[in-house]
Amino acid sequence: MWDLLGLDYRDESIYRHHVVHPDSTMSQTAAATGLPPDFVTASLERLMSCGLLRREPPGHIAATSTGPTVVGERLRGELDAQHARRRSQLALFQSELTRMVNDHLLSRAYAPVPQVDRLPSADAADLRITELVCNARAEVHQIDTETDQFRPGAGSAAHAALKAHQRGVDVRAIYPPADLARPELRRTAVTQLRAGIQVRTTVTTGTQFFLVDRSVAILTGRRAGTPAHAAQSVLVREGLLVEMLTRLFDLWWREAGDATTSYTTDQQGPAGDGEVSDDERMVLQLLGEGLKDETVAKKLGISVRTVRRKISDLQRRLPAESRFQAGVLANRRGWL
């Protein structure tokens, strides 16, 4: 620590000598420490200027009793002043860094970013829709969903919408009548209705989109029978486009009819003798493809017993003695 006073080990040895031998003269100090007289003279002057030694008559030099306290206070003051200067420099440096970072982030915040992104594939659209629905905070609105993107099952957008509804998100769906004629989509609509989701039906222009929190939308061009590689979907964040889609949905929602009465009742019952229900038509079609009763039941989401009951009822109404004959007569009646 002697270097803080501008002293070295030789000055320390001279000071120690005078602490132990307070009546030593300069020549005695030089002889005891083995240092040159000229250096001893200069060192004694430095030690006296620091307040560690004092000159006493006649010609003697002794250590001061208050020297250590005086030196300690002086060094403490110098260190405090140095620390304050360093803190001030640090504050200025931090302020400059903060200004640089904030200016950079501000410039990025106003940089143009894409507001309409094309999704590369149907699978990418499925995943993005499900992700948006899972993260919805207030609203999920869907319209004209004649795709597999809202198919039921864990991990799908339909499943995510049910979960969103359970946590208080306002989920609404509009299905055109043509879409609800498809058994799998009708089952999705019925599941939503039974869960308390608002479902309405109306004829639309064929526009398909999912609108989440009125801030982001996905428009999809994939419809039934469209190859997955040919489908095109886009994610829209642009405020004006999203606002237009929101107004379009609100308009159709006001004009649409409530689907609760039509699709929560038994849609599986037999039609009259002169007509065929959608499920019965699907049963005939699948049987015509050579599928077994178990496979037909799985595709329609009903029991094997229900499939066989429908077949028996169709044979009675046609009338037909075999399944093959039922298919022929159903085709003649225009049921297929």
C-alpha atoms as a PDB file:
ATOM      1  CA  MET A   1       0.000   0.000   0.000  1.00  0.00           C
ATOM      2  CA  TRP A   2       3.023   2.311   0.277  1.00  0.00           C
ATOM      3  CA  ASP A   3       2.778   2.993  -3.430  1.00  0.00           C
ATOM      4  CA  LEU A   4      -0.471   4.886  -2.744  1.00  0.00           C
ATOM      5  CA  LEU A   5       1.713   7.473  -0.977  1.00  0.00           C
ATOM      6  CA  GLY A   6       4.335   7.508  -3.692  1.00  0.00           C
ATOM      7  CA  LEU A   7       6.739   5.553  -1.480  1.00  0.00           C
ATOM      8  CA  ASP A   8       8.515   2.198  -1.812  1.00  0.00           C
ATOM      9  CA  TYR A   9      10.022  -0.502   0.422  1.00  0.00           C
ATOM     10  CA  ARG A  10      13.112   1.634   1.173  1.00  0.00           C
ATOM     11  CA  ASP A  11      10.975   4.436   2.520  1.00  0.00           C
ATOM     12  CA  GLU A  12       9.123   1.838   4.587  1.00  0.00           C
ATOM     13  CA  SER A  13      12.375   0.587   6.150  1.00  0.00           C
ATOM     14  CA  ILE A  14      13.400   4.136   7.046  1.00  0.00           C
ATOM     15  CA  TYR A  15       9.996   4.788   8.642  1.00  0.00           C
ATOM     16  CA  ARG A  16      10.130   1.550  10.614  1.00  0.00           C
ATOM     17  CA  HIS A  17      13.569   2.483  11.912  1.00  0.00           C
ATOM     18  CA  HIS A  18      12.316   5.825  13.213  1.00  0.00           C
ATOM     19  CA  VAL A  19       9.271   4.228  14.837  1.00  0.00           C
ATOM     20  CA  VAL A  20      11.591   1.903  16.782  1.00  0.00           C
ATOM     21  CA  HIS A  21      14.372   4.470  17.278  1.00  0.00           C
ATOM     22  CA  PRO A  22      12.656   7.847  17.511  1.00  0.00           C
ATOM     23  CA  ASP A  23      15.860   9.755  18.407  1.00  0.00           C
ATOM     24  CA  SER A  24      17.909   8.595  15.414  1.00  0.00           C
ATOM     25  CA  THR A  25      19.786  11.150  13.341  1.00  0.00           C
ATOM     26  CA  MET A  26      20.039  11.022   9.573  1.00  0.00           C
ATOM     27  CA  SER A  27      23.507   9.469   9.672  1.00  0.00           C
ATOM     28  CA  GLN A  28      22.371   6.849  12.179  1.00  0.00           C
ATOM     29  CA  THR A  29      19.381   5.993   9.964  1.00  0.00           C
ATOM     30  CA  ALA A  30      21.636   5.632   6.916  1.00  0.00           C
ATOM     31  CA  ALA A  31      23.975   3.360   8.814  1.00  0.00           C
ATOM     32  CA  ALA A  32      21.123   1.227  10.215  1.00  0.00           C
ATOM     33  CA  THR A  33      19.295   0.782   6.901  1.00  0.00           C
ATOM     34  CA  GLY A  34      22.360   0.588   4.675  1.00  0.00           C
ATOM     35  CA  LEU A  35      20.926   3.177   2.321  1.00  0.00           C
ATOM     36  CA  PRO A  36      22.885   6.079   0.811  1.00  0.00           C
ATOM     37  CA  PRO A  37      22.755   9.293   2.858  1.00  0.00           C
ATOM     38  CA  ASP A  38      21.357  11.264  -0.068  1.00  0.00           C
ATOM     39  CA  PHE A  39      18.461   8.806  -0.438  1.00  0.00           C
ATOM     40  CA  VAL A  40      17.858   8.838   3.325  1.00  0.00           C
ATOM     41  CA  THR A  41      17.675  12.645   3.288  1.00  0.00           C
ATOM     42  CA  ALA A  42      15.122  12.649   0.417  1.00  0.00           C
ATOM     43  CA  SER A  43      13.092   9.818   1.993  1.00  0.00           C
ATOM     44  CA  LEU A  44      12.886  11.618   5.332  1.00  0.00           C
ATOM     45  CA  GLU A  45      11.542  14.700   3.556  1.00  0.00           C
ATOM     46  CA  ARG A  46       8.869  12.586   1.813  1.00  0.00           C
ATOM     47  CA  LEU A  47       7.860  10.888   5.077  1.00  0.00           C
ATOM     48  CA  MET A  48       7.601  14.244   6.852  1.00  0.00           C
ATOM     49  CA  SER A  49       5.492  15.699   4.000  1.00  0.00           C
ATOM     50  CA  CYS A  50       3.107  12.750   4.401  1.00  0.00           C
ATOM     51  CA  GLY A  51       2.805  13.501   8.120  1.00  0.00           C
ATOM     52  CA  LEU A  52       4.354  10.217   9.226  1.00  0.00           C
ATOM     53  CA  LEU A  53       7.522  11.821  10.676  1.00  0.00           C
ATOM     54  CA  ARG A  54       8.328  15.155  12.277  1.00  0.00           C
ATOM     55  CA  ARG A  55      11.565  16.986  12.954  1.00  0.00           C
ATOM     56  CA  GLU A  56      12.509  17.419  16.599  1.00  0.00           C
ATOM     57  CA  PRO A  57      15.365  19.546  17.982  1.00  0.00           C
ATOM     58  CA  PRO A  58      18.234  19.155  18.156  1.00  0.00           C
ATOM     59  CA  GLY A  59      18.446  17.419  14.712  1.00  0.00           C
ATOM     60  CA  HIS A  60      16.365  14.358  15.549  1.00  0.00           C
ATOM     61  CA  ILE A  61      13.399  12.963  13.565  1.00  0.00           C
ATOM     62  CA  ALA A  62      10.576  10.967  15.210  1.00  0.00           C
ATOM     63  CA  ALA A  63       7.361   9.246  14.112  1.00  0.00           C
ATOM     64  CA  THR A  64       4.136  11.186  14.720  1.00  0.00           C
ATOM     65  CA  SER A  65       1.392   9.591  16.778  1.00  0.00           C
ATOM     66  CA  THR A  66      -1.340  10.926  14.491  1.00  0.00           C
ATOM     67  CA  GLY A  67       0.507  10.117  11.302  1.00  0.00           C
ATOM     68  CA  PRO A  68      -1.319   6.878  10.479  1.00  0.00           C
ATOM     69  CA  THR A  69      -4.732   8.524  11.020  1.00  0.00           C
ATOM     70  CA  VAL A  70      -3.872  11.552   8.911  1.00  0.00           C
ATOM     71  CA  VAL A  71      -2.468   9.421   6.137  1.00  0.00           C
ATOM     72  CA  GLY A  72      -5.474   7.061   6.235  1.00  0.00           C
ATOM     73  CA  GLU A  73      -8.007   9.869   6.032  1.00  0.00           C
ATOM     74  CA  ARG A  74      -6.142  11.538   3.205  1.00  0.00           C
ATOM     75  CA  LEU A  75      -5.946   8.317   1.214  1.00  0.00           C
ATOM     76  CA  ARG A  76      -9.594   7.594   1.877  1.00  0.00           C
ATOM     77  CA  GLY A  77     -10.566  10.999   0.581  1.00  0.00           C
ATOM     78  CA  GLU A  78      -8.480  10.566  -2.532  1.00  0.00           C
ATOM     79  CA  LEU A  79      -9.954   7.124  -3.183  1.00  0.00           C
ATOM     80  CA  ASP A  80     -13.500   8.410  -2.627  1.00  0.00           C
ATOM     81  CA  ALA A  81     -12.906  11.217  -5.093  1.00  0.00           C
ATOM     82  CA  GLN A  82     -11.464   8.782  -7.607  1.00  0.00           C
ATOM     83  CA  HIS A  83     -14.422   6.426  -7.110  1.00  0.00           C
ATOM     84  CA  ALA A  84     -16.875   9.289  -7.647  1.00  0.00           C
ATOM     85  CA  ARG A  85     -15.127  10.230 -10.898  1.00  0.00           C
ATOM     86  CA  ARG A  86     -15.289   6.621 -12.090  1.00  0.00           C
ATOM     87  CA  ARG A  87     -18.987   6.360 -11.190  1.00  0.00           C
ATOM     88  CA  SER A  88     -19.687   9.532 -13.124  1.00  0.00           C
ATOM     89  CA  GLN A  89     -17.805   8.161 -16.117  1.00  0.00           C
ATOM     90  CA  LEU A  90     -19.734   4.890 -15.840  1.00  0.00           C
ATOM     91  CA  ALA A  91     -23.077   6.738 -15.745  1.00  0.00           C
ATOM     92  CA  LEU A  92     -22.168   8.683 -18.889  1.00  0.00           C
ATOM     93  CA  PHE A  93     -21.047   5.467 -20.613  1.00  0.00           C
ATOM     94  CA  GLN A  94     -24.284   3.664 -19.670  1.00  0.00           C
ATOM     95  CA  SER A  95     -26.356   6.594 -20.910  1.00  0.00           C
ATOM     96  CA  GLU A  96     -24.555   6.541 -24.249  1.00  0.00           C
ATOM     97  CA  LEU A  97     -25.037   2.779 -24.659  1.00  0.00           C
ATOM     98  CA  THR A  98     -28.745   3.072 -23.817  1.00  0.00           C
ATOM     99  CA  ARG A  99     -29.198   5.820 -26.386  1.00  0.00           C
ATOM    100  CA  MET A 100     -27.475   3.727 -29.079  1.00  0.00           C
ATOM    101  CA  VAL A 101     -29.612   0.630 -28.347  1.00  0.00           C
ATOM    102  CA  ASN A 102     -32.875   2.596 -28.169  1.00  0.00           C
ATOM    103  CA  ASP A 103     -32.134   4.373 -31.454  1.00  0.00           C
ATOM    104  CA  HIS A 104     -31.461   1.015 -33.109  1.00  0.00           C
ATOM    105  CA  LEU A 105     -34.641  -0.614 -31.775  1.00  0.00           C
ATOM    106  CA  LEU A 106     -36.698   2.431 -32.716  1.00  0.00           C
ATOM    107  CA  SER A 107     -35.406   2.313 -36.263  1.00  0.00           C
ATOM    108  CA  ARG A 108     -36.308  -1.379 -36.477  1.00  0.00           C
ATOM    109  CA  ALA A 109     -39.785  -0.770 -35.056  1.00  0.00           C
ATOM    110  CA  TYR A 110     -40.603   1.527 -37.970  1.00  0.00           C
ATOM    111  CA  ALA A 111     -38.870  -0.571 -40.599  1.00  0.00           C
ATOM    112  CA  PRO A 112     -41.249  -2.030 -43.198  1.00  0.00           C
ATOM    113  CA  VAL A 113     -42.106  -5.705 -42.557  1.00  0.00           C
ATOM    114  CA  PRO A 114     -44.183  -8.070 -44.675  1.00  0.00           C
ATOM    115  CA  GLN A 115     -47.873  -7.886 -43.745  1.00  0.00           C
ATOM    116  CA  VAL A 116     -49.078 -10.679 -46.027  1.00  0.00           C
ATOM    117  CA  ASP A 117     -47.105 -13.933 -45.955  1.00  0.00           C
ATOM    118  CA  ARG A 118     -47.700 -16.858 -48.257  1.00  0.00           C
ATOM    119  CA  LEU A 119     -47.743 -20.175 -46.400  1.00  0.00           C
ATOM    120  CA  PRO A 120     -45.692 -22.751 -48.314  1.00  0.00           C
ATOM    121  CA  SER A 121     -47.976 -25.766 -47.940  1.00  0.00           C
ATOM    122  CA  ALA A 122     -51.312 -27.024 -46.659  1.00  0.00           C
ATOM    123  CA  ASP A 123     -49.561 -28.612 -43.689  1.00  0.00           C
ATOM    124  CA  ALA A 124     -47.933 -25.279 -42.870  1.00  0.00           C
ATOM    125  CA  ALA A 125     -51.356 -23.635 -42.998  1.00  0.00           C
ATOM    126  CA  ASP A 126     -52.803 -26.323 -40.693  1.00  0.00           C
ATOM    127  CA  LEU A 127     -50.052 -25.821 -38.143  1.00  0.00           C
ATOM    128  CA  ARG A 128     -50.253 -22.022 -38.286  1.00  0.00           C
ATOM    129  CA  ILE A 129     -54.044 -22.051 -37.861  1.00  0.00           C
ATOM    130  CA  THR A 130     -53.815 -24.390 -34.871  1.00  0.00           C
ATOM    131  CA  GLU A 131     -51.061 -22.262 -33.325  1.00  0.00           C
ATOM    132  CA  LEU A 132     -53.070 -19.058 -33.713  1.00  0.00           C
ATOM    133  CA  VAL A 133     -56.210 -20.642 -32.269  1.00  0.00           C
ATOM    134  CA  CYS A 134     -54.243 -22.038 -29.308  1.00  0.00           C
ATOM    135  CA  ASN A 135     -52.866 -18.568 -28.560  1.00  0.00           C
ATOM    136  CA  ALA A 136     -56.147 -16.694 -29.081  1.00  0.00           C
ATOM    137  CA  ARG A 137     -56.998 -14.331 -26.238  1.00  0.00           C
ATOM    138  CA  ALA A 138     -60.449 -12.998 -27.141  1.00  0.00           C
ATOM    139  CA  GLU A 139     -61.954 -14.247 -30.431  1.00  0.00           C
ATOM    140  CA  VAL A 140     -61.719 -17.037 -32.982  1.00  0.00           C
ATOM    141  CA  HIS A 141     -63.987 -16.652 -36.009  1.00  0.00           C
ATOM    142  CA  GLN A 142     -64.080 -19.084 -38.920  1.00  0.00           C
ATOM    143  CA  ILE A 143     -66.036 -19.096 -42.141  1.00  0.00           C
ATOM    144  CA  ASP A 144     -66.701 -21.487 -45.041  1.00  0.00           C
ATOM    145  CA  THR A 145     -64.502 -24.304 -43.825  1.00  0.00           C
ATOM    146  CA  GLU A 146     -64.855 -26.970 -46.486  1.00  0.00           C
ATOM    147  CA  THR A 147     -61.374 -28.266 -45.724  1.00  0.00           C
ATOM    148  CA  ASP A 148     -59.669 -30.748 -43.448  1.00  0.00           C
ATOM    149  CA  GLN A 149     -58.045 -27.894 -41.559  1.00  0.00           C
ATOM    150  CA  PHE A 150     -60.842 -27.872 -38.999  1.00  0.00           C
ATOM    151  CA  ARG A 151     -61.134 -31.617 -38.676  1.00  0.00           C
ATOM    152  CA  PRO A 152     -61.830 -32.951 -35.177  1.00  0.00           C
ATOM    153  CA  GLY A 153     -59.186 -34.708 -33.126  1.00  0.00           C
ATOM    154  CA  ALA A 154     -56.457 -33.787 -30.654  1.00  0.00           C
ATOM    155  CA  GLY A 155     -53.912 -31.395 -32.113  1.00  0.00           C
ATOM    156  CA  SER A 156     -56.264 -29.979 -34.736  1.00  0.00           C
ATOM    157  CA  ALA A 157     -57.649 -26.470 -35.009  1.00  0.00           C
ATOM    158  CA  ALA A 158     -61.105 -27.790 -34.060  1.00  0.00           C
ATOM    159  CA  HIS A 159     -59.702 -29.273 -30.855  1.00  0.00           C
ATOM    160  CA  ALA A 160     -57.817 -26.045 -30.148  1.00  0.00           C
ATOM    161  CA  ALA A 161     -61.027 -24.046 -30.684  1.00  0.00           C
ATOM    162  CA  LEU A 162     -62.874 -26.202 -28.147  1.00  0.00           C
ATOM    163  CA  LYS A 163     -60.087 -25.604 -25.641  1.00  0.00           C
ATOM    164  CA  ALA A 164     -60.134 -21.875 -26.419  1.00  0.00           C
ATOM    165  CA  HIS A 165     -63.898 -21.795 -25.854  1.00  0.00           C
ATOM    166  CA  GLN A 166     -63.437 -23.504 -22.495  1.00  0.00           C
ATOM    167  CA  ARG A 167     -61.063 -20.762 -21.336  1.00  0.00           C
ATOM    168  CA  GLY A 168     -63.516 -18.013 -22.321  1.00  0.00           C
ATOM    169  CA  VAL A 169     -62.549 -17.178 -25.915  1.00  0.00           C
ATOM    170  CA  ASP A 170     -65.504 -16.140 -28.112  1.00  0.00           C
ATOM    171  CA  VAL A 171     -65.523 -18.870 -30.805  1.00  0.00           C
ATOM    172  CA  ARG A 172     -67.933 -18.466 -33.719  1.00  0.00           C
ATOM    173  CA  ALA A 173     -68.299 -20.496 -36.917  1.00  0.00           C
ATOM    174  CA  ILE A 174     -70.224 -20.004 -40.149  1.00  0.00           C
ATOM    175  CA  TYR A 175     -70.820 -23.028 -42.371  1.00  0.00           C
ATOM    176  CA  PRO A 176     -72.486 -22.907 -45.775  1.00  0.00           C
ATOM    177  CA  PRO A 177     -75.258 -25.502 -46.125  1.00  0.00           C
ATOM    178  CA  ALA A 178     -73.251 -27.347 -48.791  1.00  0.00           C
ATOM    179  CA  ASP A 179     -70.415 -27.879 -46.326  1.00  0.00           C
ATOM    180  CA  LEU A 180     -72.707 -29.171 -43.611  1.00  0.00           C
ATOM    181  CA  ALA A 181     -74.010 -31.805 -46.020  1.00  0.00           C
ATOM    182  CA  ARG A 182     -70.661 -33.540 -45.552  1.00  0.00           C
ATOM    183  CA  PRO A 183     -70.958 -35.904 -42.561  1.00  0.00           C
ATOM    184  CA  GLU A 184     -67.481 -35.224 -41.147  1.00  0.00           C
ATOM    185  CA  LEU A 185     -67.961 -31.455 -41.144  1.00  0.00           C
ATOM    186  CA  ARG A 186     -71.480 -31.776 -39.802  1.00  0.00           C
ATOM    187  CA  ARG A 187     -70.079 -33.821 -36.919  1.00  0.00           C
ATOM    188  CA  THR A 188     -67.594 -31.035 -36.232  1.00  0.00           C
ATOM    189  CA  ALA A 189     -70.418 -28.474 -36.207  1.00  0.00           C
ATOM    190  CA  VAL A 190     -72.543 -30.630 -33.910  1.00  0.00           C
ATOM    191  CA  THR A 191     -69.591 -31.088 -31.537  1.00  0.00           C
ATOM    192  CA  GLN A 192     -69.085 -27.328 -31.447  1.00  0.00           C
ATOM    193  CA  LEU A 193     -72.767 -26.669 -30.824  1.00  0.00           C
ATOM    194  CA  ARG A 194     -72.933 -29.170 -27.991  1.00  0.00           C
ATOM    195  CA  ALA A 195     -69.866 -27.527 -26.424  1.00  0.00           C
ATOM    196  CA  GLY A 196     -71.655 -24.167 -26.470  1.00  0.00           C
ATOM    197  CA  ILE A 197     -69.847 -22.648 -29.455  1.00  0.00           C
ATOM    198  CA  GLN A 198     -71.975 -20.365 -31.610  1.00  0.00           C
ATOM    199  CA  VAL A 199     -72.559 -21.887 -35.055  1.00  0.00           C
ATOM    200  CA  ARG A 200     -74.562 -20.340 -37.884  1.00  0.00           C
ATOM    201  CA  THR A 201     -75.186 -21.269 -41.478  1.00  0.00           C
ATOM    202  CA  THR A 202     -75.589 -19.183 -44.619  1.00  0.00           C
ATOM    203  CA  VAL A 203     -74.619 -19.184 -48.269  1.00  0.00           C
ATOM    204  CA  THR A 204     -71.276 -17.393 -48.729  1.00  0.00           C
ATOM    205  CA  THR A 205     -69.130 -16.462 -51.703  1.00  0.00           C
ATOM    206  CA  GLY A 206     -66.747 -19.326 -51.071  1.00  0.00           C
ATOM    207  CA  THR A 207     -64.324 -17.217 -49.075  1.00  0.00           C
ATOM    208  CA  GLN A 208     -62.540 -19.194 -46.397  1.00  0.00           C
ATOM    209  CA  PHE A 209     -60.682 -17.676 -43.492  1.00  0.00           C
ATOM    210  CA  PHE A 210     -59.846 -17.915 -39.823  1.00  0.00           C
ATOM    211  CA  LEU A 211     -59.824 -14.624 -37.936  1.00  0.00           C
ATOM    212  CA  VAL A 212     -58.078 -14.516 -34.559  1.00  0.00           C
ATOM    213  CA  ASP A 213     -58.457 -11.609 -32.119  1.00  0.00           C
ATOM    214  CA  ARG A 214     -59.390  -9.345 -35.057  1.00  0.00           C
ATOM    215  CA  SER A 215     -55.679  -8.815 -35.647  1.00  0.00           C
ATOM    216  CA  VAL A 216     -54.489 -11.707 -37.812  1.00  0.00           C
ATOM    217  CA  ALA A 217     -56.211 -13.902 -40.385  1.00  0.00           C
ATOM    218  CA  ILE A 218     -55.437 -16.906 -42.550  1.00  0.00           C
ATOM    219  CA  LEU A 219     -57.142 -17.178 -45.900  1.00  0.00           C
ATOM    220  CA  THR A 220     -57.016 -20.630 -47.401  1.00  0.00           C
ATOM    221  CA  GLY A 221     -57.777 -21.781 -50.898  1.00  0.00           C
ATOM    222  CA  ARG A 222     -57.919 -25.478 -50.144  1.00  0.00           C
ATOM    223  CA  ARG A 223     -61.325 -27.034 -50.639  1.00  0.00           C
ATOM    224  CA  ALA A 224     -62.611 -30.567 -50.780  1.00  0.00           C
ATOM    225  CA  GLY A 225     -60.989 -32.430 -53.637  1.00  0.00           C
ATOM    226  CA  THR A 226     -58.222 -29.853 -54.097  1.00  0.00           C
ATOM    227  CA  PRO A 227     -54.752 -31.483 -54.102  1.00  0.00           C
ATOM    228  CA  ALA A 228     -52.679 -30.394 -51.117  1.00  0.00           C
ATOM    229  CA  HIS A 229     -49.818 -29.176 -53.344  1.00  0.00           C
ATOM    230  CA  ALA A 230     -52.218 -26.943 -55.279  1.00  0.00           C
ATOM    231  CA  ALA A 231     -53.703 -25.249 -52.219  1.00  0.00           C
ATOM    232  CA  GLN A 232     -52.605 -21.723 -51.447  1.00  0.00           C
ATOM    233  CA  SER A 233     -52.955 -20.033 -48.088  1.00  0.00           C
ATOM    234  CA  VAL A 234     -51.808 -16.643 -46.835  1.00  0.00           C
ATOM    235  CA  LEU A 235     -51.381 -15.137 -43.393  1.00  0.00           C
ATOM    236  CA  VAL A 236     -52.595 -11.540 -43.185  1.00  0.00           C
ATOM    237  CA  ARG A 237     -51.535  -8.987 -40.573  1.00  0.00           C
ATOM    238  CA  GLU A 238     -52.167  -5.816 -42.566  1.00  0.00           C
ATOM    239  CA  GLY A 239     -54.601  -3.717 -40.596  1.00  0.00           C
ATOM    240  CA  LEU A 240     -56.912  -2.651 -43.419  1.00  0.00           C
ATOM    241  CA  LEU A 241     -57.255  -6.165 -44.869  1.00  0.00           C
ATOM    242  CA  VAL A 242     -57.937  -7.676 -41.454  1.00  0.00           C
ATOM    243  CA  GLU A 243     -60.527  -4.956 -40.788  1.00  0.00           C
ATOM    244  CA  MET A 244     -62.261  -5.762 -44.089  1.00  0.00           C
ATOM    245  CA  LEU A 245     -62.357  -9.472 -43.249  1.00  0.00           C
ATOM    246  CA  THR A 246     -63.730  -8.620 -39.803  1.00  0.00           C
ATOM    247  CA  ARG A 247     -66.528  -6.548 -41.331  1.00  0.00           C
ATOM    248  CA  LEU A 248     -67.246  -9.312 -43.840  1.00  0.00           C
ATOM    249  CA  PHE A 249     -67.581 -11.868 -41.079  1.00  0.00           C
ATOM    250  CA  ASP A 250     -69.792  -9.549 -39.001  1.00  0.00           C
ATOM    251  CA  LEU A 251     -72.043  -8.958 -42.019  1.00  0.00           C
ATOM    252  CA  TRP A 252     -72.467 -12.650 -42.766  1.00  0.00           C
ATOM    253  CA  TRP A 253     -72.921 -13.408 -39.083  1.00  0.00           C
ATOM    254  CA  ARG A 254     -75.872 -11.028 -38.872  1.00  0.00           C
ATOM    255  CA  GLU A 255     -77.452 -12.552 -41.987  1.00  0.00           C
ATOM    256  CA  ALA A 256     -76.791 -16.199 -41.052  1.00  0.00           C
ATOM    257  CA  GLY A 257     -79.332 -18.460 -39.435  1.00  0.00           C
ATOM    258  CA  ASP A 258     -78.810 -20.211 -36.121  1.00  0.00           C
ATOM    259  CA  ALA A 259     -77.749 -23.823 -36.696  1.00  0.00           C
ATOM    260  CA  THR A 260     -78.622 -24.977 -33.204  1.00  0.00           C
ATOM    261  CA  THR A 261     -82.088 -26.346 -34.026  1.00  0.00           C
ATOM    262  CA  SER A 262     -81.098 -27.902 -37.335  1.00  0.00           C
ATOM    263  CA  TYR A 263     -77.920 -29.676 -36.308  1.00  0.00           C
ATOM    264  CA  THR A 264     -78.305 -30.662 -32.692  1.00  0.00           C
ATOM    265  CA  THR A 265     -81.316 -32.802 -33.474  1.00  0.00           C
ATOM    266  CA  ASP A 266     -80.928 -36.355 -34.710  1.00  0.00           C
ATOM    267  CA  GLN A 267     -79.421 -36.068 -38.164  1.00  0.00           C
ATOM    268  CA  GLN A 268     -78.923 -39.779 -38.397  1.00  0.00           C
ATOM    269  CA  GLY A 269     -82.583 -40.825 -38.658  1.00  0.00           C
ATOM    270  CA  PRO A 270     -83.986 -42.428 -41.811  1.00  0.00           C
ATOM    271  CA  ALA A 271     -85.513 -40.318 -44.535  1.00  0.00           C
ATOM    272  CA  GLY A 272     -88.876 -41.016 -46.025  1.00  0.00           C
ATOM    273  CA  ASP A 273     -89.418 -43.890 -48.447  1.00  0.00           C
ATOM    274  CA  GLY A 274     -89.044 -41.596 -51.432  1.00  0.00           C
ATOM    275  CA  GLU A 275     -85.870 -39.825 -50.357  1.00  0.00           C
ATOM    276  CA  VAL A 276     -82.478 -40.567 -48.845  1.00  0.00           C
ATOM    277  CA  SER A 277     -80.564 -38.760 -46.107  1.00  0.00           C
ATOM    278  CA  ASP A 278     -76.984 -37.580 -46.489  1.00  0.00           C
ATOM    279  CA  ASP A 279     -75.741 -40.337 -44.193  1.00  0.00           C
ATOM    280  CA  GLU A 280     -77.672 -42.981 -46.106  1.00  0.00           C
ATOM    281  CA  ARG A 281     -76.282 -41.689 -49.397  1.00  0.00           C
ATOM    282  CA  MET A 282     -72.776 -41.873 -47.947  1.00  0.00           C
ATOM    283  CA  VAL A 283     -73.387 -45.423 -46.722  1.00  0.00           C
ATOM    284  CA  LEU A 284     -74.473 -46.472 -50.206  1.00  0.00           C
ATOM    285  CA  GLN A 285     -71.482 -44.775 -51.783  1.00  0.00           C
ATOM    286  CA  LEU A 286     -68.980 -46.406 -49.434  1.00  0.00           C
ATOM    287  CA  LEU A 287     -70.570 -49.809 -49.837  1.00  0.00           C
ATOM    288  CA  GLY A 288     -70.381 -49.330 -53.569  1.00  0.00           C
ATOM    289  CA  GLU A 289     -66.633 -48.858 -53.173  1.00  0.00           C
ATOM    290  CA  GLY A 290     -66.452 -52.335 -51.656  1.00  0.00           C
ATOM    291  CA  LEU A 291     -65.774 -51.248 -48.088  1.00  0.00           C
ATOM    292  CA  LYS A 292     -66.739 -53.462 -45.159  1.00  0.00           C
ATOM    293  CA  ASP A 293     -69.315 -52.427 -42.571  1.00  0.00           C
ATOM    294  CA  GLU A 294     -66.590 -51.777 -39.992  1.00  0.00           C
ATOM    295  CA  THR A 295     -64.706 -49.432 -42.340  1.00  0.00           C
ATOM    296  CA  VAL A 296     -67.900 -47.592 -43.275  1.00  0.00           C
ATOM    297  CA  ALA A 297     -68.748 -47.147 -39.597  1.00  0.00           C
ATOM    298  CA  LYS A 298     -65.267 -45.756 -38.868  1.00  0.00           C
ATOM    299  CA  LYS A 299     -65.410 -43.285 -41.743  1.00  0.00           C
ATOM    300  CA  LEU A 300     -68.835 -42.017 -40.729  1.00  0.00           C
ATOM    301  CA  GLY A 301     -68.084 -42.019 -37.004  1.00  0.00           C
ATOM    302  CA  ILE A 302     -71.010 -44.250 -36.158  1.00  0.00           C
ATOM    303  CA  SER A 303     -71.350 -47.792 -34.834  1.00  0.00           C
ATOM    304  CA  VAL A 304     -71.302 -50.904 -36.993  1.00  0.00           C
ATOM    305  CA  ARG A 305     -74.754 -51.697 -35.658  1.00  0.00           C
ATOM    306  CA  THR A 306     -76.061 -48.351 -36.934  1.00  0.00           C
ATOM    307  CA  VAL A 307     -74.524 -48.997 -40.371  1.00  0.00           C
ATOM    308  CA  ARG A 308     -76.209 -52.377 -40.634  1.00  0.00           C
ATOM    309  CA  ARG A 309     -79.520 -50.920 -39.454  1.00  0.00           C
ATOM    310  CA  LYS A 310     -79.331 -48.260 -42.177  1.00  0.00           C
ATOM    311  CA  ILE A 311     -78.542 -50.883 -44.819  1.00  0.00           C
ATOM    312  CA  SER A 312     -81.454 -53.037 -43.681  1.00  0.00           C
ATOM    313  CA  ASP A 313     -83.791 -50.046 -43.777  1.00  0.00           C
ATOM    314  CA  LEU A 314     -82.592 -49.090 -47.281  1.00  0.00           C
ATOM    315  CA  GLN A 315     -83.174 -52.608 -48.550  1.00  0.00           C
ATOM    316  CA  ARG A 316     -86.692 -52.516 -47.100  1.00  0.00           C
ATOM    317  CA  ARG A 317     -87.524 -49.164 -48.688  1.00  0.00           C
ATOM    318  CA  LEU A 318     -86.167 -49.910 -52.164  1.00  0.00           C
ATOM    319  CA  PRO A 319     -87.123 -52.921 -51.834  1.00  0.00           C
ATOM    320  CA  ALA A 320     -84.068 -55.119 -52.432  1.00  0.00           C
ATOM    321  CA  GLU A 321     -83.156 -58.666 -51.483  1.00  0.00           C
ATOM    322  CA  SER A 322     -79.392 -58.067 -51.376  1.00  0.00           C
ATOM    323  CA  ARG A 323     -76.913 -55.263 -50.976  1.00  0.00           C
ATOM    324  CA  PHE A 324     -75.935 -55.462 -54.615  1.00  0.00           C
ATOM    325  CA  GLN A 325     -79.556 -55.128 -55.704  1.00  0.00           C
ATOM    326  CA  ALA A 326     -79.975 -52.221 -53.250  1.00  0.00           C
ATOM    327  CA  GLY A 327     -77.080 -50.444 -54.966  1.00  0.00           C
ATOM    328  CA  VAL A 328     -78.596 -50.972 -58.413  1.00  0.00           C
ATOM    329  CA  LEU A 329     -82.044 -49.736 -57.359  1.00  0.00           C
ATOM    330  CA  ALA A 330     -80.586 -46.764 -55.452  1.00  0.00           C
ATOM    331  CA  ASN A 331     -78.698 -45.734 -58.584  1.00  0.00           C
ATOM    332  CA  ARG A 332     -81.868 -45.969 -60.672  1.00  0.00           C
ATOM    333  CA  ARG A 333     -83.689 -43.711 -58.211  1.00  0.00           C
ATOM    334  CA  GLY A 334     -80.923 -41.152 -58.425  1.00  0.00           C
ATOM    335  CA  TRP A 335     -79.882 -41.604 -54.823  1.00  0.00           C
ATOM    336  CA  LEU A 336     -76.189 -41.950 -55.785  1.00  0.00           C
END
